[in-house]
Amino acid sequence: MLASEVMDQTAALLNDVSKNLYTYAVQLPYLQKANEDLEKKLAIFGAPQQRKDATILTLDAGEMAIDLPSDFLLPIRMFEKNRGDSTNNWIPMVERDWTKENAVQTIYLGQWAFRNNEIHVIGSTINKDILLEYWRNLAVIESSSSTEDFAAAKGYLASRSAELCARYIGMNDNLADKIAVREVGQAEDELMRVIVLNQQGVPQRRGRFTTIRKYITPR
């Protein structure tokens, strides 16, 4: 799905099908904002499309800084094993609110903390491989020809963009409020229904990020 398809629907909601006022260029910043809102909602509701196992990350002995994937949004859980270990025996790491300052490094990383948009570890005395499971960002929308990678969200993106355009371009709070109630709310509800249907058959739904998580060996 191209961003232009969403923008065409946005213009229609604003009664400007020919896009005399709400051109692609004018709409773009508001579609980008709607896309940012969408990716947060997908993470909060546990949409499987946003859950990703990263390529194995490496951490040299003594290092405490992890280079995160370019599409990283929020961490879910982490596993470690010694570099060069050919088995699939990943050891779960424990999430903490903080990492112990000046902690003595051992052969295990053991724990991790996420703050200031960075993952912090105390380091290890040996080279490590890390498996990071995380919530990813949606594809960046840079122009009308950009690809939106979650087609089921077309209605939400179009209506949310229309609300923002009406409020901040048209300076029409009354119209914006009507779009929010009539279009955005319904589109969001439909989107969540799609996500729930997609999750049917999944034995356990993930809780919020602040809850204690159960760690299992990744498949």
C-alpha atoms as a PDB file:
ATOM      1  CA  MET A   1       0.000   0.000   0.000  1.00  0.00           C
ATOM      2  CA  LEU A   2       1.402   3.373  -1.026  1.00  0.00           C
ATOM      3  CA  ALA A   3       1.145   6.482   1.110  1.00  0.00           C
ATOM      4  CA  SER A   4      -0.667   8.167  -1.804  1.00  0.00           C
ATOM      5  CA  GLU A   5      -3.550   5.698  -1.405  1.00  0.00           C
ATOM      6  CA  VAL A   6      -3.972   6.773   2.209  1.00  0.00           C
ATOM      7  CA  MET A   7      -3.723  10.439   1.237  1.00  0.00           C
ATOM      8  CA  ASP A   8      -6.397  10.041  -1.431  1.00  0.00           C
ATOM      9  CA  GLN A   9      -8.760   8.681   1.203  1.00  0.00           C
ATOM     10  CA  THR A  10      -7.803  11.479   3.593  1.00  0.00           C
ATOM     11  CA  ALA A  11      -8.635  14.094   0.963  1.00  0.00           C
ATOM     12  CA  ALA A  12     -12.000  12.426   0.365  1.00  0.00           C
ATOM     13  CA  LEU A  13     -12.835  12.616   4.067  1.00  0.00           C
ATOM     14  CA  LEU A  14     -12.035  16.328   3.910  1.00  0.00           C
ATOM     15  CA  ASN A  15     -14.277  16.813   0.856  1.00  0.00           C
ATOM     16  CA  ASP A  16     -11.289  17.695  -1.313  1.00  0.00           C
ATOM     17  CA  VAL A  17     -11.035  14.744  -3.705  1.00  0.00           C
ATOM     18  CA  SER A  18      -9.132  16.815  -6.260  1.00  0.00           C
ATOM     19  CA  LYS A  19      -6.650  17.775  -3.526  1.00  0.00           C
ATOM     20  CA  ASN A  20      -6.769  21.485  -4.302  1.00  0.00           C
ATOM     21  CA  LEU A  21      -6.005  22.354  -0.668  1.00  0.00           C
ATOM     22  CA  TYR A  22      -4.939  19.071   0.869  1.00  0.00           C
ATOM     23  CA  THR A  23      -2.194  18.138  -1.578  1.00  0.00           C
ATOM     24  CA  TYR A  24       0.174  15.250  -0.945  1.00  0.00           C
ATOM     25  CA  ALA A  25       2.860  17.691   0.201  1.00  0.00           C
ATOM     26  CA  VAL A  26       0.476  19.412   2.608  1.00  0.00           C
ATOM     27  CA  GLN A  27      -0.779  16.132   4.039  1.00  0.00           C
ATOM     28  CA  LEU A  28       2.631  14.486   4.458  1.00  0.00           C
ATOM     29  CA  PRO A  29       3.599  15.767   7.960  1.00  0.00           C
ATOM     30  CA  TYR A  30       0.198  14.753   9.326  1.00  0.00           C
ATOM     31  CA  LEU A  31       0.339  11.296   7.785  1.00  0.00           C
ATOM     32  CA  GLN A  32       3.780  10.893   9.351  1.00  0.00           C
ATOM     33  CA  LYS A  33       2.299  11.842  12.729  1.00  0.00           C
ATOM     34  CA  ALA A  34      -0.576   9.395  12.229  1.00  0.00           C
ATOM     35  CA  ASN A  35       1.969   6.693  11.355  1.00  0.00           C
ATOM     36  CA  GLU A  36       3.878   7.375  14.580  1.00  0.00           C
ATOM     37  CA  ASP A  37       0.631   7.093  16.543  1.00  0.00           C
ATOM     38  CA  LEU A  38      -0.124   3.827  14.773  1.00  0.00           C
ATOM     39  CA  GLU A  39       3.157   2.134  15.609  1.00  0.00           C
ATOM     40  CA  LYS A  40       2.681   2.913  19.310  1.00  0.00           C
ATOM     41  CA  LYS A  41      -0.836   1.465  19.239  1.00  0.00           C
ATOM     42  CA  LEU A  42       0.382  -1.677  17.488  1.00  0.00           C
ATOM     43  CA  ALA A  43       3.006  -2.199  20.173  1.00  0.00           C
ATOM     44  CA  ILE A  44       0.557  -1.536  23.019  1.00  0.00           C
ATOM     45  CA  PHE A  45      -1.963  -4.006  21.607  1.00  0.00           C
ATOM     46  CA  GLY A  46       0.723  -6.587  20.871  1.00  0.00           C
ATOM     47  CA  ALA A  47       0.258  -6.730  17.115  1.00  0.00           C
ATOM     48  CA  PRO A  48       2.372  -9.643  15.858  1.00  0.00           C
ATOM     49  CA  GLN A  49       3.352  -7.601  12.793  1.00  0.00           C
ATOM     50  CA  GLN A  50       5.425  -5.372  15.050  1.00  0.00           C
ATOM     51  CA  ARG A  51       7.156  -8.096  17.019  1.00  0.00           C
ATOM     52  CA  LYS A  52      10.527  -9.085  15.647  1.00  0.00           C
ATOM     53  CA  ASP A  53      13.524 -11.258  16.450  1.00  0.00           C
ATOM     54  CA  ALA A  54      16.652  -9.365  15.550  1.00  0.00           C
ATOM     55  CA  THR A  55      19.615 -10.756  13.716  1.00  0.00           C
ATOM     56  CA  ILE A  56      21.942 -11.957  16.434  1.00  0.00           C
ATOM     57  CA  LEU A  57      23.786  -9.026  17.967  1.00  0.00           C
ATOM     58  CA  THR A  58      27.369  -9.262  19.165  1.00  0.00           C
ATOM     59  CA  LEU A  59      28.976  -7.875  22.290  1.00  0.00           C
ATOM     60  CA  ASP A  60      32.722  -8.117  22.816  1.00  0.00           C
ATOM     61  CA  ALA A  61      34.203  -8.874  26.230  1.00  0.00           C
ATOM     62  CA  GLY A  62      34.048  -5.846  28.496  1.00  0.00           C
ATOM     63  CA  GLU A  63      31.654  -3.881  26.287  1.00  0.00           C
ATOM     64  CA  MET A  64      28.483  -2.430  27.805  1.00  0.00           C
ATOM     65  CA  ALA A  65      26.971  -0.658  24.769  1.00  0.00           C
ATOM     66  CA  ILE A  66      24.674  -2.591  22.421  1.00  0.00           C
ATOM     67  CA  ASP A  67      24.211  -1.422  18.831  1.00  0.00           C
ATOM     68  CA  LEU A  68      20.445  -1.576  18.317  1.00  0.00           C
ATOM     69  CA  PRO A  69      18.730  -2.417  14.998  1.00  0.00           C
ATOM     70  CA  SER A  70      17.700   0.539  12.857  1.00  0.00           C
ATOM     71  CA  ASP A  71      13.989  -0.329  13.163  1.00  0.00           C
ATOM     72  CA  PHE A  72      14.105  -0.778  16.953  1.00  0.00           C
ATOM     73  CA  LEU A  73      11.229   0.757  18.934  1.00  0.00           C
ATOM     74  CA  LEU A  74      10.998  -0.991  22.322  1.00  0.00           C
ATOM     75  CA  PRO A  75      12.604  -4.116  23.794  1.00  0.00           C
ATOM     76  CA  ILE A  76      10.610  -7.206  24.763  1.00  0.00           C
ATOM     77  CA  ARG A  77      13.214  -9.660  26.045  1.00  0.00           C
ATOM     78  CA  MET A  78      16.841 -10.713  25.605  1.00  0.00           C
ATOM     79  CA  PHE A  79      18.854 -13.931  25.584  1.00  0.00           C
ATOM     80  CA  GLU A  80      22.597 -14.573  25.667  1.00  0.00           C
ATOM     81  CA  LYS A  81      25.079 -17.281  24.779  1.00  0.00           C
ATOM     82  CA  ASN A  82      28.820 -17.479  24.390  1.00  0.00           C
ATOM     83  CA  ARG A  83      30.050 -16.482  20.964  1.00  0.00           C
ATOM     84  CA  GLY A  84      31.012 -19.549  18.995  1.00  0.00           C
ATOM     85  CA  ASP A  85      28.531 -21.787  20.814  1.00  0.00           C
ATOM     86  CA  SER A  86      26.899 -23.775  17.998  1.00  0.00           C
ATOM     87  CA  THR A  87      23.972 -24.970  20.130  1.00  0.00           C
ATOM     88  CA  ASN A  88      20.618 -23.237  20.443  1.00  0.00           C
ATOM     89  CA  ASN A  89      20.860 -23.036  24.221  1.00  0.00           C
ATOM     90  CA  TRP A  90      20.089 -19.384  24.714  1.00  0.00           C
ATOM     91  CA  ILE A  91      20.120 -18.237  28.348  1.00  0.00           C
ATOM     92  CA  PRO A  92      17.342 -15.769  29.268  1.00  0.00           C
ATOM     93  CA  MET A  93      18.439 -12.428  30.662  1.00  0.00           C
ATOM     94  CA  VAL A  94      16.433 -10.636  33.348  1.00  0.00           C
ATOM     95  CA  GLU A  95      15.101  -7.129  32.837  1.00  0.00           C
ATOM     96  CA  ARG A  96      15.803  -4.690  35.659  1.00  0.00           C
ATOM     97  CA  ASP A  97      14.832  -1.076  36.272  1.00  0.00           C
ATOM     98  CA  TRP A  98      18.535  -0.335  36.580  1.00  0.00           C
ATOM     99  CA  THR A  99      21.926  -2.012  36.234  1.00  0.00           C
ATOM    100  CA  LYS A 100      24.202  -2.188  39.232  1.00  0.00           C
ATOM    101  CA  GLU A 101      26.912   0.451  39.002  1.00  0.00           C
ATOM    102  CA  ASN A 102      30.496  -0.825  39.148  1.00  0.00           C
ATOM    103  CA  ALA A 103      29.264  -4.427  39.141  1.00  0.00           C
ATOM    104  CA  VAL A 104      31.963  -7.073  38.706  1.00  0.00           C
ATOM    105  CA  GLN A 105      31.797  -8.615  35.258  1.00  0.00           C
ATOM    106  CA  THR A 106      31.539 -12.395  34.991  1.00  0.00           C
ATOM    107  CA  ILE A 107      31.078 -14.860  32.133  1.00  0.00           C
ATOM    108  CA  TYR A 108      27.364 -14.020  32.174  1.00  0.00           C
ATOM    109  CA  LEU A 109      25.606 -10.798  31.290  1.00  0.00           C
ATOM    110  CA  GLY A 110      22.623 -11.849  33.348  1.00  0.00           C
ATOM    111  CA  GLN A 111      20.531  -8.695  33.277  1.00  0.00           C
ATOM    112  CA  TRP A 112      19.636  -5.662  31.190  1.00  0.00           C
ATOM    113  CA  ALA A 113      17.874  -2.340  31.634  1.00  0.00           C
ATOM    114  CA  PHE A 114      16.183  -0.036  29.156  1.00  0.00           C
ATOM    115  CA  ARG A 115      16.366   3.696  29.763  1.00  0.00           C
ATOM    116  CA  ASN A 116      16.968   6.823  27.689  1.00  0.00           C
ATOM    117  CA  ASN A 117      16.169   4.752  24.588  1.00  0.00           C
ATOM    118  CA  GLU A 118      19.221   2.586  25.197  1.00  0.00           C
ATOM    119  CA  ILE A 119      19.733  -0.964  26.475  1.00  0.00           C
ATOM    120  CA  HIS A 120      22.265  -1.104  29.293  1.00  0.00           C
ATOM    121  CA  VAL A 121      24.229  -4.209  30.390  1.00  0.00           C
ATOM    122  CA  ILE A 122      27.076  -4.672  32.848  1.00  0.00           C
ATOM    123  CA  GLY A 123      29.241  -6.480  30.309  1.00  0.00           C
ATOM    124  CA  SER A 124      30.886  -9.885  30.353  1.00  0.00           C
ATOM    125  CA  THR A 125      34.424 -11.198  30.582  1.00  0.00           C
ATOM    126  CA  ILE A 126      33.967 -13.159  27.358  1.00  0.00           C
ATOM    127  CA  ASN A 127      32.532 -12.413  23.915  1.00  0.00           C
ATOM    128  CA  LYS A 128      28.765 -12.797  23.741  1.00  0.00           C
ATOM    129  CA  ASP A 129      25.996 -13.234  21.187  1.00  0.00           C
ATOM    130  CA  ILE A 130      22.673 -11.629  22.083  1.00  0.00           C
ATOM    131  CA  LEU A 131      19.217 -12.402  20.748  1.00  0.00           C
ATOM    132  CA  LEU A 132      16.994  -9.352  21.103  1.00  0.00           C
ATOM    133  CA  GLU A 133      13.252  -9.656  20.656  1.00  0.00           C
ATOM    134  CA  TYR A 134      11.720  -6.239  20.149  1.00  0.00           C
ATOM    135  CA  TRP A 135       8.881  -4.099  18.866  1.00  0.00           C
ATOM    136  CA  ARG A 136       9.866  -2.554  15.551  1.00  0.00           C
ATOM    137  CA  ASN A 137       9.121   0.804  13.977  1.00  0.00           C
ATOM    138  CA  LEU A 138       6.865   1.004  10.964  1.00  0.00           C
ATOM    139  CA  ALA A 139       8.481   1.875   7.650  1.00  0.00           C
ATOM    140  CA  VAL A 140       9.250   5.589   7.463  1.00  0.00           C
ATOM    141  CA  ILE A 141       6.892   7.587   5.225  1.00  0.00           C
ATOM    142  CA  GLU A 142       8.995  10.120   3.341  1.00  0.00           C
ATOM    143  CA  SER A 143       6.743  10.920   0.379  1.00  0.00           C
ATOM    144  CA  SER A 144       3.496   9.973  -1.331  1.00  0.00           C
ATOM    145  CA  SER A 145       5.330   7.089  -3.028  1.00  0.00           C
ATOM    146  CA  SER A 146       6.519   5.560   0.253  1.00  0.00           C
ATOM    147  CA  THR A 147       5.194   2.128   1.175  1.00  0.00           C
ATOM    148  CA  GLU A 148       3.021   1.721   4.251  1.00  0.00           C
ATOM    149  CA  ASP A 149       3.802  -1.766   5.513  1.00  0.00           C
ATOM    150  CA  PHE A 150       0.576  -2.477   7.414  1.00  0.00           C
ATOM    151  CA  ALA A 151      -2.236  -2.396   4.858  1.00  0.00           C
ATOM    152  CA  ALA A 152      -4.938  -3.158   7.435  1.00  0.00           C
ATOM    153  CA  ALA A 153      -4.291   0.253   8.973  1.00  0.00           C
ATOM    154  CA  LYS A 154      -5.315   2.236   5.881  1.00  0.00           C
ATOM    155  CA  GLY A 155      -8.609   3.392   7.400  1.00  0.00           C
ATOM    156  CA  TYR A 156      -7.001   4.466  10.658  1.00  0.00           C
ATOM    157  CA  LEU A 157      -4.167   6.342   8.955  1.00  0.00           C
ATOM    158  CA  ALA A 158      -6.517   8.150   6.568  1.00  0.00           C
ATOM    159  CA  SER A 159      -9.018   9.195   9.239  1.00  0.00           C
ATOM    160  CA  ARG A 160      -6.371  10.191  11.767  1.00  0.00           C
ATOM    161  CA  SER A 161      -4.571  12.242   9.103  1.00  0.00           C
ATOM    162  CA  ALA A 162      -7.877  13.871   8.149  1.00  0.00           C
ATOM    163  CA  GLU A 163      -8.520  14.797  11.772  1.00  0.00           C
ATOM    164  CA  LEU A 164      -5.081  16.369  12.103  1.00  0.00           C
ATOM    165  CA  CYS A 165      -5.370  18.221   8.785  1.00  0.00           C
ATOM    166  CA  ALA A 166      -8.778  19.607   9.705  1.00  0.00           C
ATOM    167  CA  ARG A 167      -7.516  20.731  13.095  1.00  0.00           C
ATOM    168  CA  TYR A 168      -4.168  22.263  12.155  1.00  0.00           C
ATOM    169  CA  ILE A 169      -4.502  23.216   8.477  1.00  0.00           C
ATOM    170  CA  GLY A 170      -8.192  24.011   8.213  1.00  0.00           C
ATOM    171  CA  MET A 171      -8.214  25.306  11.819  1.00  0.00           C
ATOM    172  CA  ASN A 172     -11.632  23.685  12.144  1.00  0.00           C
ATOM    173  CA  ASP A 173     -11.905  22.018  15.532  1.00  0.00           C
ATOM    174  CA  ASN A 174     -15.563  21.234  14.990  1.00  0.00           C
ATOM    175  CA  LEU A 175     -14.850  19.205  11.840  1.00  0.00           C
ATOM    176  CA  ALA A 176     -11.799  17.604  13.440  1.00  0.00           C
ATOM    177  CA  ASP A 177     -13.844  16.493  16.449  1.00  0.00           C
ATOM    178  CA  LYS A 178     -16.512  14.999  14.188  1.00  0.00           C
ATOM    179  CA  ILE A 179     -13.900  13.068  12.195  1.00  0.00           C
ATOM    180  CA  ALA A 180     -12.337  11.841  15.437  1.00  0.00           C
ATOM    181  CA  VAL A 181     -15.667  10.512  16.693  1.00  0.00           C
ATOM    182  CA  ARG A 182     -17.163   9.201  13.465  1.00  0.00           C
ATOM    183  CA  GLU A 183     -14.105   7.975  11.600  1.00  0.00           C
ATOM    184  CA  VAL A 184     -11.009   7.604  13.782  1.00  0.00           C
ATOM    185  CA  GLY A 185     -12.730   5.765  16.609  1.00  0.00           C
ATOM    186  CA  GLN A 186     -14.423   3.306  14.274  1.00  0.00           C
ATOM    187  CA  ALA A 187     -11.244   2.745  12.244  1.00  0.00           C
ATOM    188  CA  GLU A 188      -9.221   2.101  15.403  1.00  0.00           C
ATOM    189  CA  ASP A 189     -11.837  -0.372  16.649  1.00  0.00           C
ATOM    190  CA  GLU A 190     -11.785  -2.219  13.332  1.00  0.00           C
ATOM    191  CA  LEU A 191      -7.988  -2.285  13.381  1.00  0.00           C
ATOM    192  CA  MET A 192      -7.928  -3.783  16.869  1.00  0.00           C
ATOM    193  CA  ARG A 193     -10.419  -6.431  15.740  1.00  0.00           C
ATOM    194  CA  VAL A 194      -8.064  -7.399  12.922  1.00  0.00           C
ATOM    195  CA  ILE A 195      -5.207  -7.686  15.398  1.00  0.00           C
ATOM    196  CA  VAL A 196      -7.256  -9.847  17.771  1.00  0.00           C
ATOM    197  CA  LEU A 197      -8.288 -12.148  14.916  1.00  0.00           C
ATOM    198  CA  ASN A 198      -4.660 -12.407  13.890  1.00  0.00           C
ATOM    199  CA  GLN A 199      -3.746 -13.446  17.416  1.00  0.00           C
ATOM    200  CA  GLN A 200      -6.296 -16.245  17.653  1.00  0.00           C
ATOM    201  CA  GLY A 201      -4.535 -19.497  18.294  1.00  0.00           C
ATOM    202  CA  VAL A 202      -1.658 -17.778  20.098  1.00  0.00           C
ATOM    203  CA  PRO A 203      -1.523 -19.527  23.516  1.00  0.00           C
ATOM    204  CA  GLN A 204      -0.517 -16.487  25.542  1.00  0.00           C
ATOM    205  CA  ARG A 205      -0.849 -12.763  24.996  1.00  0.00           C
ATOM    206  CA  ARG A 206       1.942 -10.529  26.168  1.00  0.00           C
ATOM    207  CA  GLY A 207       1.257  -8.215  29.047  1.00  0.00           C
ATOM    208  CA  ARG A 208       2.221  -4.587  29.342  1.00  0.00           C
ATOM    209  CA  PHE A 209       5.862  -3.599  29.320  1.00  0.00           C
ATOM    210  CA  THR A 210       5.806  -2.847  33.037  1.00  0.00           C
ATOM    211  CA  THR A 211       4.741  -6.332  34.083  1.00  0.00           C
ATOM    212  CA  ILE A 212       7.030  -9.213  34.968  1.00  0.00           C
ATOM    213  CA  ARG A 213       7.485 -11.377  31.904  1.00  0.00           C
ATOM    214  CA  LYS A 214       7.895 -15.105  31.637  1.00  0.00           C
ATOM    215  CA  TYR A 215      11.033 -16.028  29.723  1.00  0.00           C
ATOM    216  CA  ILE A 216      11.224 -19.056  27.479  1.00  0.00           C
ATOM    217  CA  THR A 217      13.812 -20.350  25.097  1.00  0.00           C
ATOM    218  CA  PRO A 218      13.105 -18.794  21.681  1.00  0.00           C
ATOM    219  CA  ARG A 219      12.062 -21.071  18.874  1.00  0.00           C
END
